[in-house]
Each structure stands twice: as structure tokens, then as C-alpha cells.
Amino acid sequence: MRARRLAAVAVAALLALSGCSSPVSDEPVGGGSPGPAGPGSDAAGPVTVLAAASLTESFTAIGTKFEQLNPSAEVSFSFGGSAGLAQQITAGAPADVFAAASAATMKTVTDAGAATGTPVTFARNQLVIAVPKGNPKGLTTPAALAGSGVKVALCAEQVPCGAAAGKALSAAGVRLMPVTLEQDVKAALAKVKLGEVDAALVYRTDAKAAAADVDSVEFPESAGAVNDYPVVALKDAPNPAGATAFLAFLRTPEAQRILTDAGFQQP
């Protein structure tokens, strides 16, 4: 496998995110012709993709397939909190593609004039309650998370998983006092895996990827806090042809199947 993950660059401070939605195309990425990313593509050279942490497993698999179809291309990923990645982009970090976990985070990049074209939603994701295997405290509802002695991890409100958690908890009429606020969903989930908390609100896809270590509990209020995942080519992309080809590959049934198998919802 030549697709590799770059270590995410440390960010000193996260951007305050607007509650407004960015202009995101409603046209789904799935469907249509495969585009230039299929066999015989001219995609070549390094393609750098900055992507939300919750895309780690699925984008790594998609990158491997992309390279198999484009032997002259090499995909490098940097996964992390969407807000931190957006800040890197607006500060001038070189990259070809940005895939965010919310339209609000993408708006930071488009408002700064750092994107080319209109972002397109390629997937959606929903929250679950992640608990240790066997759910030893029997936590089955958001209200249970507010119980005495229950330790909960949430994402910080500035990042997409934290904003979604806030909406879901508000819909459930629950106010939590988390013991920790993390900067991306993987960090929140890690607290459950390490036994440092009794539960965390994380994306369904992340809980599914960690099914050997955690159980996931669905709750109806999360349906009102589903996050759209937009993607866009970046204005100063070092490899604009590679960016175009990668975006086109996301349209293919093969790439969409990888996302669906990971637990993402179709746009």
C-alpha cells in the first residue's frame, strides 16, 4: 500500500466556527460516470488530501484504490480535526484537497478564498454513544450520561463532532458536564478505549471501526444532528490535476461503497 497517512500538524488554536452553512452543492458525489480517475487516467505525482479524522479508515482505503487505478499517482493524507485543518489551509499549508466533517468548517476555507469551485457533499455521518465492550454501566440514552458518577468525553464545541453533540443533547433535553473535551472524534473515542471515561458521543463510523474495543448505542435524537461531509479542491493546489482526479474518484460506485461499508450515509 503506497497511500500513507501524514502526521497532522499541531495547531495552536482552533477557529471559531460560524453556525451558518457554507455554499455546498446538493448534487451527490455518488453516481454518474467515473470521470478521469478510472483506468487510463492522467493522474500522476503526489496528491495531498487533508481530511477529517473520522475519514481515516475509509479514505485510506479509497486512496489505495485510487493508486491502483493511477499507478503514477501517490496519495498522502493528513487526518485531524476539521477546524484545525481549515486553519492550516487558510494559513497557506500546501494541499490539493480538503474534506471536512461539516459545512460550517468548510465555510472557513471558502470564505478565505482558498477553495476552487463549490464544495460538494459526498457523505453524511451520525452520532452514537460509544461505551466499553459489554456496556458495563448500562448507558442506553443521553439522559443516562448525566447520571451521578458517569464520566463522559465529548468533542470540543468548535469542531464538527462537538457541534453535532450539542445539537443532539439539546434535542434530548440533556445537559452534560463532560470530564474532557477533545479536539477530534478519534481522541474522544480513545478515552473510551483506554477506560478513562464511561462513554463518549462519537460518529457511527468511528465506533464501527473500533468495534473490537467498544460498543455503540444508537439514540433517536442524533437524527437531528447529522453532519454533511463536503469536499473541495484547493485554490493553490500543487497538483490540480491530481485533485480533480481524486474528487472524480469519490464519485465512483467503488469509492461510495467503501464509505457506505464504513457506516457513512449517502448524501
Protein backbone atom coordinates (compact mmCIF):
# COMPACT_ATOMS: atom_id res chain seq x y z
CA MET A 1 0.00 0.00 0.00
CA ARG A 2 1.54 3.31 -1.08
CA ALA A 3 -1.21 5.52 0.29
CA ARG A 4 0.07 6.83 3.57
CA ARG A 5 -1.09 9.00 6.41
CA LEU A 6 0.88 12.13 7.27
CA ALA A 7 1.02 13.23 10.87
CA ALA A 8 -1.43 16.07 11.36
CA VAL A 9 0.29 19.39 12.02
CA ALA A 10 -0.23 20.68 15.56
CA VAL A 11 -2.49 23.73 15.67
CA ALA A 12 -2.11 26.34 18.39
CA ALA A 13 -5.71 27.49 18.35
CA LEU A 14 -8.92 26.45 16.63
CA LEU A 15 -11.02 28.84 14.59
CA ALA A 16 -14.38 29.91 15.96
CA LEU A 17 -16.86 28.38 13.59
CA SER A 18 -19.89 30.16 12.22
CA GLY A 19 -23.27 28.48 12.67
CA CYS A 20 -24.09 29.33 9.04
CA SER A 21 -23.89 26.78 6.30
CA SER A 22 -21.35 27.26 3.55
CA PRO A 23 -22.40 27.09 -0.07
CA VAL A 24 -22.32 23.35 -0.67
CA SER A 25 -23.71 21.69 -3.75
CA ASP A 26 -26.68 19.41 -3.16
CA GLU A 27 -25.58 17.29 -6.11
CA PRO A 28 -24.40 13.97 -4.66
CA VAL A 29 -20.89 12.81 -5.36
CA GLY A 30 -22.10 9.25 -5.80
CA GLY A 31 -23.43 8.18 -9.18
CA GLY A 32 -22.60 9.43 -12.62
CA SER A 33 -19.65 8.36 -14.72
CA PRO A 34 -16.38 7.50 -13.00
CA GLY A 35 -14.63 10.53 -14.53
CA PRO A 36 -10.89 10.87 -15.04
CA ALA A 37 -9.89 8.70 -12.09
CA GLY A 38 -10.57 5.40 -13.81
CA PRO A 39 -8.15 3.26 -15.82
CA GLY A 40 -6.14 5.32 -18.28
CA SER A 41 -6.30 8.46 -16.12
CA ASP A 42 -3.58 11.08 -16.44
CA ALA A 43 -3.42 11.47 -12.65
CA ALA A 44 0.22 11.46 -11.63
CA GLY A 45 2.52 12.66 -8.89
CA PRO A 46 1.75 13.35 -5.24
CA VAL A 47 -1.83 14.20 -4.25
CA THR A 48 -2.13 15.69 -0.77
CA VAL A 49 -5.50 15.36 0.95
CA LEU A 50 -6.41 16.99 4.27
CA ALA A 51 -9.39 15.16 5.75
CA ALA A 52 -11.45 14.97 8.92
CA ALA A 53 -10.24 12.40 11.44
CA SER A 54 -13.45 10.39 11.05
CA LEU A 55 -12.46 9.67 7.44
CA THR A 56 -9.22 7.94 8.40
CA GLU A 57 -10.16 4.34 7.64
CA SER A 58 -12.36 4.95 4.60
CA PHE A 59 -10.10 7.50 2.90
CA THR A 60 -7.05 5.30 3.46
CA ALA A 61 -8.87 2.51 1.61
CA ILE A 62 -10.05 4.92 -1.09
CA GLY A 63 -6.50 6.21 -1.52
CA THR A 64 -5.21 2.67 -2.03
CA LYS A 65 -7.84 2.01 -4.73
CA PHE A 66 -7.09 5.35 -6.38
CA GLU A 67 -3.39 4.48 -6.60
CA GLN A 68 -4.16 1.06 -8.05
CA LEU A 69 -6.05 2.78 -10.87
CA ASN A 70 -3.45 5.54 -11.19
CA PRO A 71 -0.01 3.91 -10.81
CA SER A 72 1.79 7.20 -11.41
CA ALA A 73 -0.03 8.92 -8.53
CA GLU A 74 0.72 8.76 -4.81
CA VAL A 75 -1.83 9.92 -2.25
CA SER A 76 -0.77 11.36 1.09
CA PHE A 77 -3.31 12.07 3.83
CA SER A 78 -3.26 14.33 6.85
CA PHE A 79 -6.14 13.46 9.17
CA GLY A 80 -7.23 15.63 12.08
CA GLY A 81 -9.89 17.89 13.50
CA SER A 82 -11.62 19.72 10.65
CA ALA A 83 -11.24 23.13 12.29
CA GLY A 84 -7.51 22.68 12.75
CA LEU A 85 -7.08 21.54 9.16
CA ALA A 86 -9.08 24.52 7.93
CA GLN A 87 -6.76 26.82 9.86
CA GLN A 88 -3.73 25.18 8.26
CA ILE A 89 -5.22 25.75 4.81
CA THR A 90 -6.05 29.41 5.39
CA ALA A 91 -2.53 29.88 6.78
CA GLY A 92 -1.11 28.63 3.48
CA ALA A 93 -0.37 24.94 4.11
CA PRO A 94 0.16 23.25 0.71
CA ALA A 95 -2.52 20.68 -0.12
CA ASP A 96 -4.67 19.62 -3.06
CA VAL A 97 -7.99 18.54 -1.50
CA PHE A 98 -9.88 19.31 1.71
CA ALA A 99 -12.62 17.02 3.06
CA ALA A 100 -14.39 18.41 6.13
CA ALA A 101 -16.85 16.94 8.61
CA SER A 102 -19.25 19.89 8.41
CA ALA A 103 -20.37 22.66 6.08
CA ALA A 104 -19.56 25.24 8.76
CA THR A 105 -15.91 24.18 8.82
CA MET A 106 -15.74 24.20 5.03
CA LYS A 107 -17.13 27.74 5.09
CA THR A 108 -13.94 28.87 6.84
CA VAL A 109 -11.96 27.78 3.79
CA THR A 110 -14.34 29.06 1.12
CA ASP A 111 -14.76 32.43 2.86
CA ALA A 112 -10.97 32.81 2.83
CA GLY A 113 -10.93 32.24 -0.94
CA ALA A 114 -8.80 29.14 -0.52
CA ALA A 115 -11.06 26.76 -2.50
CA THR A 116 -11.63 26.20 -6.20
CA GLY A 117 -15.23 25.65 -7.23
CA THR A 118 -18.16 24.79 -4.99
CA PRO A 119 -17.77 22.17 -2.23
CA VAL A 120 -19.83 19.04 -2.82
CA THR A 121 -21.33 16.80 -0.14
CA PHE A 122 -20.02 13.25 -0.60
CA ALA A 123 -21.21 11.57 2.62
CA ARG A 124 -23.11 12.08 5.87
CA ASN A 125 -22.46 10.85 9.39
CA GLN A 126 -24.47 10.39 12.58
CA LEU A 127 -23.60 10.21 16.27
CA VAL A 128 -23.83 7.21 18.59
CA ILE A 129 -22.95 6.68 22.24
CA ALA A 130 -19.69 4.73 22.43
CA VAL A 131 -19.26 2.64 25.58
CA PRO A 132 -16.77 -0.03 26.71
CA LYS A 133 -17.47 -3.57 25.50
CA GLY A 134 -20.47 -5.00 27.28
CA ASN A 135 -21.70 -1.53 28.30
CA PRO A 136 -20.92 -2.17 31.98
CA LYS A 137 -22.90 0.85 33.23
CA GLY A 138 -25.92 0.12 31.04
CA LEU A 139 -25.88 3.53 29.35
CA THR A 140 -28.60 3.46 26.71
CA THR A 141 -29.88 7.05 26.48
CA PRO A 142 -28.42 10.56 26.54
CA ALA A 143 -30.18 11.12 29.87
CA ALA A 144 -28.23 8.22 31.37
CA LEU A 145 -24.98 10.03 30.53
CA ALA A 146 -25.95 12.76 33.00
CA GLY A 147 -26.20 10.27 35.84
CA SER A 148 -24.15 10.56 39.00
CA GLY A 149 -20.61 9.25 38.63
CA VAL A 150 -20.82 8.79 34.85
CA LYS A 151 -17.71 10.12 33.11
CA VAL A 152 -18.29 11.33 29.55
CA ALA A 153 -15.96 12.57 26.80
CA LEU A 154 -17.19 14.99 24.15
CA CYS A 155 -15.56 16.76 21.26
CA ALA A 156 -14.99 20.49 21.81
CA GLU A 157 -17.89 22.56 20.55
CA GLN A 158 -15.69 24.28 17.93
CA VAL A 159 -15.20 21.04 15.99
CA PRO A 160 -17.94 19.29 13.97
CA CYS A 161 -18.45 16.30 16.26
CA GLY A 162 -18.79 18.67 19.22
CA ALA A 163 -21.29 20.89 17.43
CA ALA A 164 -23.33 17.82 16.47
CA ALA A 165 -23.22 16.53 20.05
CA GLY A 166 -24.52 19.86 21.29
CA LYS A 167 -27.49 19.67 18.92
CA ALA A 168 -28.29 16.06 19.81
CA LEU A 169 -28.09 16.67 23.55
CA SER A 170 -30.23 19.77 23.26
CA ALA A 171 -32.84 17.75 21.35
CA ALA A 172 -32.77 15.19 24.16
CA GLY A 173 -33.12 17.89 26.81
CA VAL A 174 -29.88 16.79 28.44
CA ARG A 175 -27.09 18.95 29.80
CA LEU A 176 -23.77 17.21 30.40
CA MET A 177 -20.65 18.12 32.29
CA PRO A 178 -18.01 16.16 30.35
CA VAL A 179 -14.76 15.30 32.08
CA THR A 180 -12.85 16.09 28.90
CA LEU A 181 -13.33 17.99 25.64
CA GLU A 182 -11.28 16.63 22.75
CA GLN A 183 -10.17 18.26 19.51
CA ASP A 184 -11.32 15.45 17.23
CA VAL A 185 -13.56 12.41 17.35
CA LYS A 186 -10.70 9.89 17.43
CA ALA A 187 -9.36 11.47 20.61
CA ALA A 188 -12.79 11.31 22.26
CA LEU A 189 -13.17 7.66 21.30
CA ALA A 190 -9.69 6.87 22.60
CA LYS A 191 -10.83 7.89 26.09
CA VAL A 192 -13.42 5.10 25.99
CA LYS A 193 -10.97 2.56 24.60
CA LEU A 194 -8.47 3.39 27.35
CA GLY A 195 -11.13 3.09 30.06
CA GLU A 196 -10.74 6.73 31.10
CA VAL A 197 -14.43 7.51 30.57
CA ASP A 198 -17.67 5.56 30.64
CA ALA A 199 -18.97 6.91 27.34
CA ALA A 200 -18.38 9.34 24.51
CA LEU A 201 -20.52 10.80 21.75
CA VAL A 202 -18.77 9.88 18.52
CA TYR A 203 -19.63 9.25 14.90
CA ARG A 204 -21.18 5.95 13.98
CA THR A 205 -18.30 5.27 11.58
CA ASP A 206 -15.64 5.66 14.29
CA ALA A 207 -17.49 3.37 16.68
CA LYS A 208 -17.84 0.81 13.91
CA ALA A 209 -14.11 0.97 13.12
CA ALA A 210 -13.36 0.36 16.82
CA ALA A 211 -15.96 -2.39 17.29
CA ALA A 212 -13.36 -4.73 18.75
CA ASP A 213 -12.92 -2.35 21.68
CA VAL A 214 -16.23 -0.52 22.11
CA ASP A 215 -19.95 -0.99 21.70
CA SER A 216 -22.18 1.63 20.12
CA VAL A 217 -25.62 2.69 21.29
CA GLU A 218 -27.95 4.37 18.79
CA PHE A 219 -30.24 7.12 20.08
CA PRO A 220 -33.06 8.82 18.15
CA GLU A 221 -32.05 12.41 18.92
CA SER A 222 -28.90 12.01 16.80
CA ALA A 223 -31.08 12.01 13.67
CA GLY A 224 -31.44 15.78 14.08
CA ALA A 225 -27.70 16.31 14.16
CA VAL A 226 -26.45 14.51 11.05
CA ASN A 227 -23.29 16.08 9.63
CA ASP A 228 -22.75 16.65 5.92
CA TYR A 229 -19.22 15.98 4.68
CA PRO A 230 -18.19 18.41 1.90
CA VAL A 231 -15.06 18.12 -0.23
CA VAL A 232 -13.32 20.64 -2.49
CA ALA A 233 -10.15 21.18 -4.48
CA LEU A 234 -7.92 23.90 -3.05
CA LYS A 235 -7.06 27.07 -4.92
CA ASP A 236 -3.28 26.79 -4.60
CA ALA A 237 -3.16 23.02 -5.07
CA PRO A 238 0.35 21.87 -6.02
CA ASN A 239 -1.27 19.14 -8.16
CA PRO A 240 -4.60 20.47 -9.52
CA ALA A 241 -4.94 17.59 -11.99
CA GLY A 242 -4.46 15.12 -9.17
CA ALA A 243 -7.05 16.96 -7.07
CA THR A 244 -9.57 16.79 -9.91
CA ALA A 245 -8.92 13.09 -10.39
CA PHE A 246 -9.29 12.31 -6.68
CA LEU A 247 -12.58 14.21 -6.50
CA ALA A 248 -13.80 12.33 -9.56
CA PHE A 249 -12.91 9.01 -7.97
CA LEU A 250 -15.08 9.90 -4.97
CA ARG A 251 -18.00 9.88 -7.43
CA THR A 252 -17.47 6.27 -8.40
CA PRO A 253 -19.59 3.42 -7.03
CA GLU A 254 -16.41 1.77 -5.72
CA ALA A 255 -15.47 4.76 -3.55
CA GLN A 256 -19.04 5.27 -2.40
CA ARG A 257 -19.27 1.60 -1.44
CA ILE A 258 -16.19 1.97 0.79
CA LEU A 259 -17.83 4.90 2.55
CA THR A 260 -21.15 3.08 2.97
CA ASP A 261 -19.41 -0.03 4.32
CA ALA A 262 -17.68 2.18 6.87
CA GLY A 263 -21.07 3.37 8.11
CA PHE A 264 -21.43 6.67 6.26
CA GLN A 265 -24.80 7.64 4.86
CA GLN A 266 -25.29 8.55 1.21
CA PRO A 267 -25.63 12.30 0.53
